[in-house]
Amino acid sequence: MMSSVIAFGVWMRGLPLFARWVGTGVVSGGVIGGIAGLIVGLFVYAPTAWFAAAELGFPAALAGGIAGLIGGAIMAAVRRLRRSAAKPL
């Protein structure tokens, strides 16, 4: 199990900057939204709790992807500014 986690980390580091940020946003948003949907679904009507998890998980994953895209754009701009500031005139 631990070797697959390490392999996933190595694979993520090999991706371009935007893909890393968007992927992280999609996964974290989807997991958080799915867990929140499951909790809400269990309190409202337990037999359909899995559908509530999907109803909140998918939009949360989309929102996480958009947030990751914005974060990746900011990070790319910061890196570009740092590189241009570090170059001698």
C-alpha atoms as a PDB file:
ATOM      1  CA  MET A   1       0.000   0.000   0.000  1.00  0.00           C
ATOM      2  CA  MET A   2       2.746   2.425   0.906  1.00  0.00           C
ATOM      3  CA  SER A   3       4.627   1.794  -2.330  1.00  0.00           C
ATOM      4  CA  SER A   4       1.561   2.763  -4.371  1.00  0.00           C
ATOM      5  CA  VAL A   5       1.249   6.021  -2.412  1.00  0.00           C
ATOM      6  CA  ILE A   6       4.908   6.801  -3.079  1.00  0.00           C
ATOM      7  CA  ALA A   7       4.485   5.896  -6.763  1.00  0.00           C
ATOM      8  CA  PHE A   8       1.463   8.217  -6.995  1.00  0.00           C
ATOM      9  CA  GLY A   9       3.494  11.045  -5.448  1.00  0.00           C
ATOM     10  CA  VAL A  10       6.303  10.510  -7.924  1.00  0.00           C
ATOM     11  CA  TRP A  11       3.800  10.479 -10.793  1.00  0.00           C
ATOM     12  CA  MET A  12       2.172  13.718  -9.579  1.00  0.00           C
ATOM     13  CA  ARG A  13       5.554  15.476  -9.376  1.00  0.00           C
ATOM     14  CA  GLY A  14       6.160  14.617 -13.022  1.00  0.00           C
ATOM     15  CA  LEU A  15       2.996  16.392 -14.190  1.00  0.00           C
ATOM     16  CA  PRO A  16       2.960  20.006 -15.396  1.00  0.00           C
ATOM     17  CA  LEU A  17       2.134  22.681 -12.836  1.00  0.00           C
ATOM     18  CA  PHE A  18      -1.471  23.259 -13.917  1.00  0.00           C
ATOM     19  CA  ALA A  19      -2.259  19.544 -14.002  1.00  0.00           C
ATOM     20  CA  ARG A  20      -0.937  19.085 -10.474  1.00  0.00           C
ATOM     21  CA  TRP A  21      -3.001  21.942  -9.085  1.00  0.00           C
ATOM     22  CA  VAL A  22      -6.168  21.001 -10.952  1.00  0.00           C
ATOM     23  CA  GLY A  23      -5.808  17.331 -10.036  1.00  0.00           C
ATOM     24  CA  THR A  24      -5.280  18.152  -6.389  1.00  0.00           C
ATOM     25  CA  GLY A  25      -8.277  20.488  -6.416  1.00  0.00           C
ATOM     26  CA  VAL A  26     -10.553  17.948  -8.098  1.00  0.00           C
ATOM     27  CA  VAL A  27      -9.607  15.125  -5.761  1.00  0.00           C
ATOM     28  CA  SER A  28      -9.750  17.153  -2.555  1.00  0.00           C
ATOM     29  CA  GLY A  29     -12.986  18.909  -3.526  1.00  0.00           C
ATOM     30  CA  GLY A  30     -14.624  15.652  -4.564  1.00  0.00           C
ATOM     31  CA  VAL A  31     -13.617  13.830  -1.399  1.00  0.00           C
ATOM     32  CA  ILE A  32     -14.722  16.649   0.892  1.00  0.00           C
ATOM     33  CA  GLY A  33     -17.988  17.112  -1.001  1.00  0.00           C
ATOM     34  CA  GLY A  34     -18.659  13.379  -1.049  1.00  0.00           C
ATOM     35  CA  ILE A  35     -18.104  13.032   2.674  1.00  0.00           C
ATOM     36  CA  ALA A  36     -20.317  16.055   3.368  1.00  0.00           C
ATOM     37  CA  GLY A  37     -23.018  14.642   1.088  1.00  0.00           C
ATOM     38  CA  LEU A  38     -22.821  11.273   2.790  1.00  0.00           C
ATOM     39  CA  ILE A  39     -23.226  12.844   6.224  1.00  0.00           C
ATOM     40  CA  VAL A  40     -26.158  14.974   5.061  1.00  0.00           C
ATOM     41  CA  GLY A  41     -27.720  11.982   3.322  1.00  0.00           C
ATOM     42  CA  LEU A  42     -27.420   9.805   6.418  1.00  0.00           C
ATOM     43  CA  PHE A  43     -29.231  12.402   8.495  1.00  0.00           C
ATOM     44  CA  VAL A  44     -31.971  13.051   5.920  1.00  0.00           C
ATOM     45  CA  TYR A  45     -32.766   9.569   4.545  1.00  0.00           C
ATOM     46  CA  ALA A  46     -30.228   6.809   5.046  1.00  0.00           C
ATOM     47  CA  PRO A  47     -31.175   4.479   2.132  1.00  0.00           C
ATOM     48  CA  THR A  48     -30.355   7.195  -0.424  1.00  0.00           C
ATOM     49  CA  ALA A  49     -27.265   8.578   1.305  1.00  0.00           C
ATOM     50  CA  TRP A  50     -24.954   7.434  -1.515  1.00  0.00           C
ATOM     51  CA  PHE A  51     -26.898   9.495  -4.022  1.00  0.00           C
ATOM     52  CA  ALA A  52     -26.570  12.536  -1.789  1.00  0.00           C
ATOM     53  CA  ALA A  53     -22.823  11.922  -1.664  1.00  0.00           C
ATOM     54  CA  ALA A  54     -22.703  11.990  -5.468  1.00  0.00           C
ATOM     55  CA  GLU A  55     -24.988  15.030  -5.643  1.00  0.00           C
ATOM     56  CA  LEU A  56     -22.586  17.028  -3.486  1.00  0.00           C
ATOM     57  CA  GLY A  57     -19.353  15.299  -4.532  1.00  0.00           C
ATOM     58  CA  PHE A  58     -19.508  15.998  -8.274  1.00  0.00           C
ATOM     59  CA  PRO A  59     -20.184  19.753  -8.008  1.00  0.00           C
ATOM     60  CA  ALA A  60     -17.564  20.015  -5.259  1.00  0.00           C
ATOM     61  CA  ALA A  61     -15.041  18.272  -7.525  1.00  0.00           C
ATOM     62  CA  LEU A  62     -15.841  20.760 -10.287  1.00  0.00           C
ATOM     63  CA  ALA A  63     -15.430  23.682  -7.895  1.00  0.00           C
ATOM     64  CA  GLY A  64     -12.169  22.177  -6.632  1.00  0.00           C
ATOM     65  CA  GLY A  65     -10.897  21.880 -10.200  1.00  0.00           C
ATOM     66  CA  ILE A  66     -11.708  25.523 -10.883  1.00  0.00           C
ATOM     67  CA  ALA A  67     -10.020  26.566  -7.639  1.00  0.00           C
ATOM     68  CA  GLY A  68      -6.997  24.446  -8.587  1.00  0.00           C
ATOM     69  CA  LEU A  69      -6.867  26.066 -12.006  1.00  0.00           C
ATOM     70  CA  ILE A  70      -6.867  29.528 -10.438  1.00  0.00           C
ATOM     71  CA  GLY A  71      -4.244  28.454  -7.897  1.00  0.00           C
ATOM     72  CA  GLY A  72      -2.089  26.974 -10.639  1.00  0.00           C
ATOM     73  CA  ALA A  73      -2.326  30.182 -12.667  1.00  0.00           C
ATOM     74  CA  ILE A  74      -1.273  32.238  -9.648  1.00  0.00           C
ATOM     75  CA  MET A  75       1.596  29.868  -8.933  1.00  0.00           C
ATOM     76  CA  ALA A  76       2.780  29.986 -12.555  1.00  0.00           C
ATOM     77  CA  ALA A  77       2.689  33.786 -12.491  1.00  0.00           C
ATOM     78  CA  VAL A  78       4.666  33.883  -9.246  1.00  0.00           C
ATOM     79  CA  ARG A  79       7.297  31.524 -10.629  1.00  0.00           C
ATOM     80  CA  ARG A  80       7.584  33.560 -13.809  1.00  0.00           C
ATOM     81  CA  LEU A  81       7.977  36.794 -11.832  1.00  0.00           C
ATOM     82  CA  ARG A  82      10.633  35.240  -9.606  1.00  0.00           C
ATOM     83  CA  ARG A  83      12.596  33.997 -12.610  1.00  0.00           C
ATOM     84  CA  SER A  84      12.457  37.368 -14.349  1.00  0.00           C
ATOM     85  CA  ALA A  85      13.467  39.179 -11.147  1.00  0.00           C
ATOM     86  CA  ALA A  86      16.412  36.831 -10.623  1.00  0.00           C
ATOM     87  CA  LYS A  87      17.914  37.466 -14.074  1.00  0.00           C
ATOM     88  CA  PRO A  88      20.681  40.060 -14.158  1.00  0.00           C
ATOM     89  CA  LEU A  89      20.134  43.072 -16.364  1.00  0.00           C
END
